[in-house]
Structure formats: C-alpha cells, structure tokens
C-alpha cells in the first residue's frame, strides 16, 4: 500500500518508508528500496564524497518501527541530503497537522515530483504512462515541463504533429486499437440484431 504524504499527518517511520518507495522508483527498481539497499547507497555516496558518517540497517529499522522515535542530528542531515528533502521534514508531523497548509520546508518542485511518483504507482498497469510520469518527476524543472505541456496542448494540431515525429509508432498503435474497438462494436451490434 502506498502512503501519500500529502493526504495525512505522518510519523517519521512512515515518511522514511515512503521516501524509500519514491527513491526505489526513481532509480528504476519498480519497488521500494529495501533498508539494506538504502544503507548501501548512503554508504556509497558518503565514500564518494569523503565523509565519515554512517548508519546501520538495524538503526534504520528501529526508526521506521518507532522503537527509536527521534533521529540524531547527524542521521537527519544524512537522510535529508540523500533523499533531497529539508531536514525539518524528517520528524513526526504534529497533532492537528493539515497537509493543505504549505510548509516552507518543501518546494513546489518537490511536491510536484512526489505527486508524479505517486501517480506513476497508480498507473503501474500502463508501463508507458508510468515511465513518462517518472521521467517527468526526475526532470530538474518539473513545473516548467508541465507549463510547456499546456502550451503544446493549447496549440491546435501540435500534439498530433509531435506524436507523428517523436513517436511514429504511437499513431499506428492508436489506429489499430481504434479499429479493434470498432470491429468489436460491429460484432456486438450484429449479434444484437440477430445477424
């Protein structure tokens, strides 16, 4: 079950599980990163940057289960840097927290990216759409991409022309799908009319 952080107040452990899910999908795993994969990835980043901090899988497990309710400042900074979130995000949401109240800690781009990744999970059965949503979430300027898409859609005929040039097989696939639906409809109509 995917937990959407925009819908409800979340505990720190839930946020970490959600971030592992998002990170796994952004890395093309089509699933959440395991705790062990997360620890390995953090260690690899630390090694590459020359920093000496570390974290164990058991510590991460205790945080996610709630056995340890708080992170050390070092661990909070480490996880925030890895997940590219504000360190202030890595705490339990306070009682009475409402997601509609926008936090200065999270940017519009972060919200768009999380929303797109969440949407990609909902469209798991449509691999092309899912991949497109994930690619959009990975882009550094998600908002600009969406505004550009609006401009493309507002220009008469541009969507169709771009599809012909950039995805030539797409028009043929859609034509075959439409023809298949029309054949099925004609077959049902004949049966209903007793032909």
C-alpha atoms as a PDB file:
ATOM      1  CA  UNK A   1       0.000   0.000   0.000  1.00  0.00           C
ATOM      2  CA  UNK A   2       1.392   3.382  -0.983  1.00  0.00           C
ATOM      3  CA  UNK A   3       1.158   6.086   1.642  1.00  0.00           C
ATOM      4  CA  UNK A   4       0.715   9.540   0.158  1.00  0.00           C
ATOM      5  CA  UNK A   5       2.292  12.182   2.408  1.00  0.00           C
ATOM      6  CA  UNK A   6       0.034  14.889   1.011  1.00  0.00           C
ATOM      7  CA  UNK A   7      -3.098  13.209   2.401  1.00  0.00           C
ATOM      8  CA  UNK A   8      -2.446  12.798   6.132  1.00  0.00           C
ATOM      9  CA  UNK A   9      -0.175  13.567   9.062  1.00  0.00           C
ATOM     10  CA  UNK A  10       2.679  11.085   9.082  1.00  0.00           C
ATOM     11  CA  UNK A  11       5.060   9.624  11.620  1.00  0.00           C
ATOM     12  CA  UNK A  12       8.781   9.691  10.896  1.00  0.00           C
ATOM     13  CA  UNK A  13       8.854   5.950  10.137  1.00  0.00           C
ATOM     14  CA  UNK A  14       6.066   6.320   7.573  1.00  0.00           C
ATOM     15  CA  UNK A  15       7.929   9.173   5.908  1.00  0.00           C
ATOM     16  CA  UNK A  16      11.091   7.088   5.653  1.00  0.00           C
ATOM     17  CA  UNK A  17       9.191   4.140   4.163  1.00  0.00           C
ATOM     18  CA  UNK A  18       7.551   6.499   1.664  1.00  0.00           C
ATOM     19  CA  UNK A  19      10.899   8.056   0.745  1.00  0.00           C
ATOM     20  CA  UNK A  20      12.391   4.573   0.231  1.00  0.00           C
ATOM     21  CA  UNK A  21       9.488   3.802  -2.107  1.00  0.00           C
ATOM     22  CA  UNK A  22       9.950   7.023  -4.063  1.00  0.00           C
ATOM     23  CA  UNK A  23      13.724   6.545  -4.282  1.00  0.00           C
ATOM     24  CA  UNK A  24      13.372   2.952  -5.467  1.00  0.00           C
ATOM     25  CA  UNK A  25      11.012   4.027  -8.230  1.00  0.00           C
ATOM     26  CA  UNK A  26      13.217   6.948  -9.243  1.00  0.00           C
ATOM     27  CA  UNK A  27      16.126   4.510  -9.530  1.00  0.00           C
ATOM     28  CA  UNK A  28      14.077   2.289 -11.860  1.00  0.00           C
ATOM     29  CA  UNK A  29      13.594  -0.562  -9.368  1.00  0.00           C
ATOM     30  CA  UNK A  30       9.786  -0.531  -9.723  1.00  0.00           C
ATOM     31  CA  UNK A  31       9.581  -1.039  -5.945  1.00  0.00           C
ATOM     32  CA  UNK A  32      10.705   0.499  -2.687  1.00  0.00           C
ATOM     33  CA  UNK A  33      14.387   0.315  -1.836  1.00  0.00           C
ATOM     34  CA  UNK A  34      14.982  -2.128   0.994  1.00  0.00           C
ATOM     35  CA  UNK A  35      16.503  -0.786   4.180  1.00  0.00           C
ATOM     36  CA  UNK A  36      19.746  -2.591   3.330  1.00  0.00           C
ATOM     37  CA  UNK A  37      19.828  -1.103  -0.191  1.00  0.00           C
ATOM     38  CA  UNK A  38      19.279   2.338   1.301  1.00  0.00           C
ATOM     39  CA  UNK A  39      22.144   1.899   3.778  1.00  0.00           C
ATOM     40  CA  UNK A  40      24.447   0.667   0.977  1.00  0.00           C
ATOM     41  CA  UNK A  41      23.500   3.603  -1.280  1.00  0.00           C
ATOM     42  CA  UNK A  42      24.126   6.110   1.526  1.00  0.00           C
ATOM     43  CA  UNK A  43      27.498   4.496   2.299  1.00  0.00           C
ATOM     44  CA  UNK A  44      28.444   4.679  -1.391  1.00  0.00           C
ATOM     45  CA  UNK A  45      27.552   8.384  -1.541  1.00  0.00           C
ATOM     46  CA  UNK A  46      29.489   9.053   1.656  1.00  0.00           C
ATOM     47  CA  UNK A  47      32.519   7.189   0.383  1.00  0.00           C
ATOM     48  CA  UNK A  48      32.439   9.140  -2.877  1.00  0.00           C
ATOM     49  CA  UNK A  49      32.246  12.455  -1.007  1.00  0.00           C
ATOM     50  CA  UNK A  50      34.922  11.520   1.548  1.00  0.00           C
ATOM     51  CA  UNK A  51      32.641  11.937   4.579  1.00  0.00           C
ATOM     52  CA  UNK A  52      32.964   9.581   7.547  1.00  0.00           C
ATOM     53  CA  UNK A  53      29.378   9.305   8.900  1.00  0.00           C
ATOM     54  CA  UNK A  54      27.500   6.002   8.708  1.00  0.00           C
ATOM     55  CA  UNK A  55      24.210   4.305   9.519  1.00  0.00           C
ATOM     56  CA  UNK A  56      23.211   0.682  10.055  1.00  0.00           C
ATOM     57  CA  UNK A  57      20.189  -1.193   8.750  1.00  0.00           C
ATOM     58  CA  UNK A  58      19.174  -2.083  12.329  1.00  0.00           C
ATOM     59  CA  UNK A  59      19.160   1.609  13.319  1.00  0.00           C
ATOM     60  CA  UNK A  60      17.024   2.432  10.277  1.00  0.00           C
ATOM     61  CA  UNK A  61      14.675  -0.435  11.183  1.00  0.00           C
ATOM     62  CA  UNK A  62      14.281   0.891  14.738  1.00  0.00           C
ATOM     63  CA  UNK A  63      13.439   4.348  13.424  1.00  0.00           C
ATOM     64  CA  UNK A  64      10.884   3.036  10.930  1.00  0.00           C
ATOM     65  CA  UNK A  65       9.228   0.775  13.524  1.00  0.00           C
ATOM     66  CA  UNK A  66       9.006   3.599  16.061  1.00  0.00           C
ATOM     67  CA  UNK A  67      11.320   1.857  18.568  1.00  0.00           C
ATOM     68  CA  UNK A  68      13.538   4.948  18.243  1.00  0.00           C
ATOM     69  CA  UNK A  69      11.219   7.947  17.982  1.00  0.00           C
ATOM     70  CA  UNK A  70      13.896  10.509  17.066  1.00  0.00           C
ATOM     71  CA  UNK A  71      16.874  10.775  14.732  1.00  0.00           C
ATOM     72  CA  UNK A  72      20.236  12.120  15.763  1.00  0.00           C
ATOM     73  CA  UNK A  73      21.034  15.400  14.037  1.00  0.00           C
ATOM     74  CA  UNK A  74      23.806  13.692  12.044  1.00  0.00           C
ATOM     75  CA  UNK A  75      21.445  10.983  10.799  1.00  0.00           C
ATOM     76  CA  UNK A  76      18.732  13.545   9.982  1.00  0.00           C
ATOM     77  CA  UNK A  77      21.207  15.571   7.906  1.00  0.00           C
ATOM     78  CA  UNK A  78      22.492  12.411   6.205  1.00  0.00           C
ATOM     79  CA  UNK A  79      19.000  11.183   5.231  1.00  0.00           C
ATOM     80  CA  UNK A  80      17.854  14.667   4.188  1.00  0.00           C
ATOM     81  CA  UNK A  81      20.846  15.016   1.883  1.00  0.00           C
ATOM     82  CA  UNK A  82      20.355  11.545   0.406  1.00  0.00           C
ATOM     83  CA  UNK A  83      16.602  11.950  -0.206  1.00  0.00           C
ATOM     84  CA  UNK A  84      16.983  15.644  -1.167  1.00  0.00           C
ATOM     85  CA  UNK A  85      14.405  16.822   1.360  1.00  0.00           C
ATOM     86  CA  UNK A  86      14.608  19.519   4.011  1.00  0.00           C
ATOM     87  CA  UNK A  87      15.880  18.123   7.361  1.00  0.00           C
ATOM     88  CA  UNK A  88      12.744  19.554   9.006  1.00  0.00           C
ATOM     89  CA  UNK A  89      10.648  17.091   7.011  1.00  0.00           C
ATOM     90  CA  UNK A  90      12.235  14.167   8.877  1.00  0.00           C
ATOM     91  CA  UNK A  91      10.190  14.451  12.063  1.00  0.00           C
ATOM     92  CA  UNK A  92       6.725  13.275  13.108  1.00  0.00           C
ATOM     93  CA  UNK A  93       4.028  15.618  11.880  1.00  0.00           C
ATOM     94  CA  UNK A  94       2.477  17.384  14.881  1.00  0.00           C
ATOM     95  CA  UNK A  95      -1.019  16.568  16.111  1.00  0.00           C
ATOM     96  CA  UNK A  96      -3.567  18.560  14.138  1.00  0.00           C
ATOM     97  CA  UNK A  97      -1.264  18.847  11.128  1.00  0.00           C
ATOM     98  CA  UNK A  98      -3.142  19.522   7.896  1.00  0.00           C
ATOM     99  CA  UNK A  99      -1.467  18.789   4.595  1.00  0.00           C
ATOM    100  CA  UNK A 100      -3.208  21.741   2.944  1.00  0.00           C
ATOM    101  CA  UNK A 101      -1.052  24.096   4.992  1.00  0.00           C
ATOM    102  CA  UNK A 102       2.004  24.524   2.813  1.00  0.00           C
ATOM    103  CA  UNK A 103       5.347  24.208   4.541  1.00  0.00           C
ATOM    104  CA  UNK A 104       8.250  26.471   3.665  1.00  0.00           C
ATOM    105  CA  UNK A 105      10.449  23.388   4.032  1.00  0.00           C
ATOM    106  CA  UNK A 106       9.217  21.729   0.828  1.00  0.00           C
ATOM    107  CA  UNK A 107       9.390  23.397  -2.519  1.00  0.00           C
ATOM    108  CA  UNK A 108       6.803  23.300  -5.262  1.00  0.00           C
ATOM    109  CA  UNK A 109       9.124  21.126  -7.347  1.00  0.00           C
ATOM    110  CA  UNK A 110       9.373  18.552  -4.527  1.00  0.00           C
ATOM    111  CA  UNK A 111       5.594  18.439  -4.197  1.00  0.00           C
ATOM    112  CA  UNK A 112       5.144  18.006  -7.942  1.00  0.00           C
ATOM    113  CA  UNK A 113       7.754  15.245  -8.053  1.00  0.00           C
ATOM    114  CA  UNK A 114       6.164  13.331  -5.160  1.00  0.00           C
ATOM    115  CA  UNK A 115       2.732  13.748  -6.741  1.00  0.00           C
ATOM    116  CA  UNK A 116       4.017  12.426 -10.082  1.00  0.00           C
ATOM    117  CA  UNK A 117       5.746   9.416  -8.495  1.00  0.00           C
ATOM    118  CA  UNK A 118       2.569   8.653  -6.567  1.00  0.00           C
ATOM    119  CA  UNK A 119       0.604   8.913  -9.818  1.00  0.00           C
ATOM    120  CA  UNK A 120       3.077   6.609 -11.546  1.00  0.00           C
ATOM    121  CA  UNK A 121       2.385   3.992  -8.885  1.00  0.00           C
ATOM    122  CA  UNK A 122      -1.344   4.270  -9.523  1.00  0.00           C
ATOM    123  CA  UNK A 123      -0.786   3.640 -13.261  1.00  0.00           C
ATOM    124  CA  UNK A 124       1.518   0.645 -12.802  1.00  0.00           C
ATOM    125  CA  UNK A 125      -0.500  -1.350 -15.375  1.00  0.00           C
ATOM    126  CA  UNK A 126       0.265   1.199 -18.106  1.00  0.00           C
ATOM    127  CA  UNK A 127       4.074   0.992 -18.379  1.00  0.00           C
ATOM    128  CA  UNK A 128       4.390   3.806 -20.944  1.00  0.00           C
ATOM    129  CA  UNK A 129       2.364   6.266 -18.876  1.00  0.00           C
ATOM    130  CA  UNK A 130       4.128   5.188 -15.685  1.00  0.00           C
ATOM    131  CA  UNK A 131       7.542   5.720 -17.303  1.00  0.00           C
ATOM    132  CA  UNK A 132       6.501   9.138 -18.623  1.00  0.00           C
ATOM    133  CA  UNK A 133       5.375  10.258 -15.160  1.00  0.00           C
ATOM    134  CA  UNK A 134       8.620   9.026 -13.575  1.00  0.00           C
ATOM    135  CA  UNK A 135      10.703  10.756 -16.265  1.00  0.00           C
ATOM    136  CA  UNK A 136       8.835  13.988 -15.586  1.00  0.00           C
ATOM    137  CA  UNK A 137       9.424  13.594 -11.831  1.00  0.00           C
ATOM    138  CA  UNK A 138      13.173  13.105 -12.457  1.00  0.00           C
ATOM    139  CA  UNK A 139      13.460  16.308 -14.502  1.00  0.00           C
ATOM    140  CA  UNK A 140      15.043  19.248 -12.651  1.00  0.00           C
ATOM    141  CA  UNK A 141      12.353  21.678 -13.815  1.00  0.00           C
ATOM    142  CA  UNK A 142       9.122  19.706 -13.466  1.00  0.00           C
ATOM    143  CA  UNK A 143       6.940  22.819 -13.261  1.00  0.00           C
ATOM    144  CA  UNK A 144       8.383  24.243 -16.482  1.00  0.00           C
ATOM    145  CA  UNK A 145       7.776  20.909 -18.239  1.00  0.00           C
ATOM    146  CA  UNK A 146       4.118  20.941 -17.199  1.00  0.00           C
ATOM    147  CA  UNK A 147       3.693  24.559 -18.312  1.00  0.00           C
ATOM    148  CA  UNK A 148       5.286  23.673 -21.650  1.00  0.00           C
ATOM    149  CA  UNK A 149       2.903  20.737 -21.998  1.00  0.00           C
ATOM    150  CA  UNK A 150      -0.014  23.127 -21.504  1.00  0.00           C
ATOM    151  CA  UNK A 151       1.331  25.384 -24.265  1.00  0.00           C
ATOM    152  CA  UNK A 152       1.732  22.382 -26.597  1.00  0.00           C
ATOM    153  CA  UNK A 153      -1.845  21.286 -25.902  1.00  0.00           C
ATOM    154  CA  UNK A 154      -3.168  24.826 -26.476  1.00  0.00           C
ATOM    155  CA  UNK A 155      -1.582  24.984 -29.940  1.00  0.00           C
ATOM    156  CA  UNK A 156      -4.024  23.402 -32.421  1.00  0.00           C
ATOM    157  CA  UNK A 157      -2.653  20.262 -34.066  1.00  0.00           C
ATOM    158  CA  UNK A 158       0.733  20.406 -32.326  1.00  0.00           C
ATOM    159  CA  UNK A 159       0.165  17.311 -30.159  1.00  0.00           C
ATOM    160  CA  UNK A 160      -0.658  15.211 -33.214  1.00  0.00           C
ATOM    161  CA  UNK A 161       2.309  16.584 -35.215  1.00  0.00           C
ATOM    162  CA  UNK A 162       4.741  15.969 -32.345  1.00  0.00           C
ATOM    163  CA  UNK A 163       3.435  12.422 -31.905  1.00  0.00           C
ATOM    164  CA  UNK A 164       3.961  11.735 -35.624  1.00  0.00           C
ATOM    165  CA  UNK A 165       7.561  12.973 -35.455  1.00  0.00           C
ATOM    166  CA  UNK A 166       8.670  11.842 -31.996  1.00  0.00           C
ATOM    167  CA  UNK A 167       6.631   8.643 -31.607  1.00  0.00           C
ATOM    168  CA  UNK A 168       5.739   7.445 -35.108  1.00  0.00           C
ATOM    169  CA  UNK A 169       4.590   4.007 -33.886  1.00  0.00           C
ATOM    170  CA  UNK A 170       2.175   5.625 -31.443  1.00  0.00           C
ATOM    171  CA  UNK A 171      -0.226   6.800 -34.162  1.00  0.00           C
ATOM    172  CA  UNK A 172      -0.296   3.306 -35.696  1.00  0.00           C
ATOM    173  CA  UNK A 173      -0.892   1.661 -32.289  1.00  0.00           C
ATOM    174  CA  UNK A 174      -3.802   4.009 -31.627  1.00  0.00           C
ATOM    175  CA  UNK A 175      -5.262   3.371 -35.112  1.00  0.00           C
ATOM    176  CA  UNK A 176      -5.067  -0.421 -34.555  1.00  0.00           C
ATOM    177  CA  UNK A 177      -6.651  -0.082 -31.109  1.00  0.00           C
ATOM    178  CA  UNK A 178      -9.464   2.075 -32.516  1.00  0.00           C
ATOM    179  CA  UNK A 179     -10.051  -0.375 -35.384  1.00  0.00           C
ATOM    180  CA  UNK A 180     -10.160  -3.276 -32.902  1.00  0.00           C
ATOM    181  CA  UNK A 181     -12.765  -1.472 -30.787  1.00  0.00           C
ATOM    182  CA  UNK A 182     -14.851  -0.660 -33.871  1.00  0.00           C
ATOM    183  CA  UNK A 183     -14.734  -4.321 -35.016  1.00  0.00           C
ATOM    184  CA  UNK A 184     -15.857  -5.484 -31.567  1.00  0.00           C
ATOM    185  CA  UNK A 185     -18.689  -2.946 -31.580  1.00  0.00           C
ATOM    186  CA  UNK A 186     -19.814  -4.042 -35.053  1.00  0.00           C
ATOM    187  CA  UNK A 187     -19.730  -7.696 -33.929  1.00  0.00           C
ATOM    188  CA  UNK A 188     -21.855  -6.948 -30.859  1.00  0.00           C
ATOM    189  CA  UNK A 189     -24.323  -4.939 -32.963  1.00  0.00           C
ATOM    190  CA  UNK A 190     -24.676  -7.862 -35.412  1.00  0.00           C
ATOM    191  CA  UNK A 191     -25.334 -10.315 -32.552  1.00  0.00           C
ATOM    192  CA  UNK A 192     -27.905  -7.999 -31.027  1.00  0.00           C
ATOM    193  CA  UNK A 193     -29.658  -7.658 -34.405  1.00  0.00           C
ATOM    194  CA  UNK A 194     -29.609 -11.424 -34.899  1.00  0.00           C
ATOM    195  CA  UNK A 195     -27.285 -11.369 -37.902  1.00  0.00           C
END
